[in-house]
Amino acid sequence: MEERPIIGMLLKNLGSLYEFAVREYGYEEDMRGYISKCHLCLDIRRHLVNSNAGFKELEPKEFYEHL
């Protein structure tokens, strides 16, 4: 999954994506919390897109602009 690292991390578990985003892109949790794992995953992915990380599997960028 080298071509799609985000998907590879999610196939392992959400914690892998979370740790990666914190370590590499300075992701910080929303102190208000999340209603589900899906909400957390979406927030992490939005952060990565807004950081211009350039992951193809997170395209189109416009998707995240309308959430």
Protein backbone atom coordinates (compact mmCIF):
# COMPACT_ATOMS: atom_id res chain seq x y z
CA MET A 1 0.00 0.00 0.00
CA GLU A 2 2.93 2.33 -0.59
CA GLU A 3 0.95 4.15 -3.27
CA ARG A 4 -1.92 4.77 -0.85
CA PRO A 5 -0.39 5.07 2.64
CA ILE A 6 -3.53 6.45 4.28
CA ILE A 7 -5.55 3.44 3.20
CA GLY A 8 -2.73 1.15 4.37
CA MET A 9 -2.80 2.71 7.83
CA LEU A 10 -6.58 2.43 8.04
CA LEU A 11 -6.41 -1.23 7.09
CA LYS A 12 -4.25 -1.76 10.19
CA ASN A 13 -6.30 0.43 12.52
CA LEU A 14 -7.35 4.02 13.09
CA GLY A 15 -4.63 4.43 15.72
CA SER A 16 -1.97 4.09 13.04
CA LEU A 17 -3.42 7.00 11.08
CA TYR A 18 -3.85 9.05 14.25
CA GLU A 19 -0.24 8.53 15.37
CA PHE A 20 1.06 9.32 11.88
CA ALA A 21 -0.97 12.55 11.66
CA VAL A 22 0.21 13.68 15.11
CA ARG A 23 3.86 12.85 14.48
CA GLU A 24 4.20 14.04 10.88
CA TYR A 25 1.58 16.78 10.52
CA GLY A 26 0.95 18.13 14.02
CA TYR A 27 -2.62 16.89 14.28
CA GLU A 28 -4.36 17.80 17.54
CA GLU A 29 -7.58 16.27 18.81
CA ASP A 30 -10.70 18.38 19.03
CA MET A 31 -11.19 18.89 22.77
CA ARG A 32 -14.98 18.71 22.26
CA GLY A 33 -14.60 15.06 21.32
CA TYR A 34 -16.01 12.93 18.53
CA ILE A 35 -19.31 11.17 18.08
CA SER A 36 -17.71 8.11 16.49
CA LYS A 37 -14.51 6.65 15.07
CA CYS A 38 -15.71 7.82 11.66
CA HIS A 39 -15.89 11.40 12.93
CA LEU A 40 -12.31 11.18 14.24
CA CYS A 41 -11.08 9.65 10.96
CA LEU A 42 -12.75 12.39 8.95
CA ASP A 43 -11.20 15.08 11.15
CA ILE A 44 -7.74 13.57 10.73
CA ARG A 45 -8.17 13.31 6.96
CA ARG A 46 -9.41 16.91 6.77
CA HIS A 47 -6.34 18.03 8.73
CA LEU A 48 -4.05 16.19 6.31
CA VAL A 49 -5.77 17.75 3.31
CA ASN A 50 -5.55 21.23 4.85
CA SER A 51 -1.85 20.59 5.54
CA ASN A 52 -1.35 20.08 1.79
CA ALA A 53 0.08 16.64 2.45
CA GLY A 54 -0.79 15.60 -1.10
CA PHE A 55 -2.22 12.13 -0.53
CA LYS A 56 -4.02 10.99 -3.69
CA GLU A 57 -6.49 8.90 -1.72
CA LEU A 58 -7.76 12.07 -0.04
CA GLU A 59 -8.78 13.72 -3.31
CA PRO A 60 -10.74 15.65 -4.31
CA LYS A 61 -9.76 18.34 -1.83
CA GLU A 62 -13.09 20.07 -2.42
CA PHE A 63 -14.87 17.24 -0.59
CA TYR A 64 -13.33 18.38 2.69
CA GLU A 65 -14.12 22.05 2.06
CA HIS A 66 -17.86 21.37 2.24
CA LEU A 67 -18.04 19.48 5.52
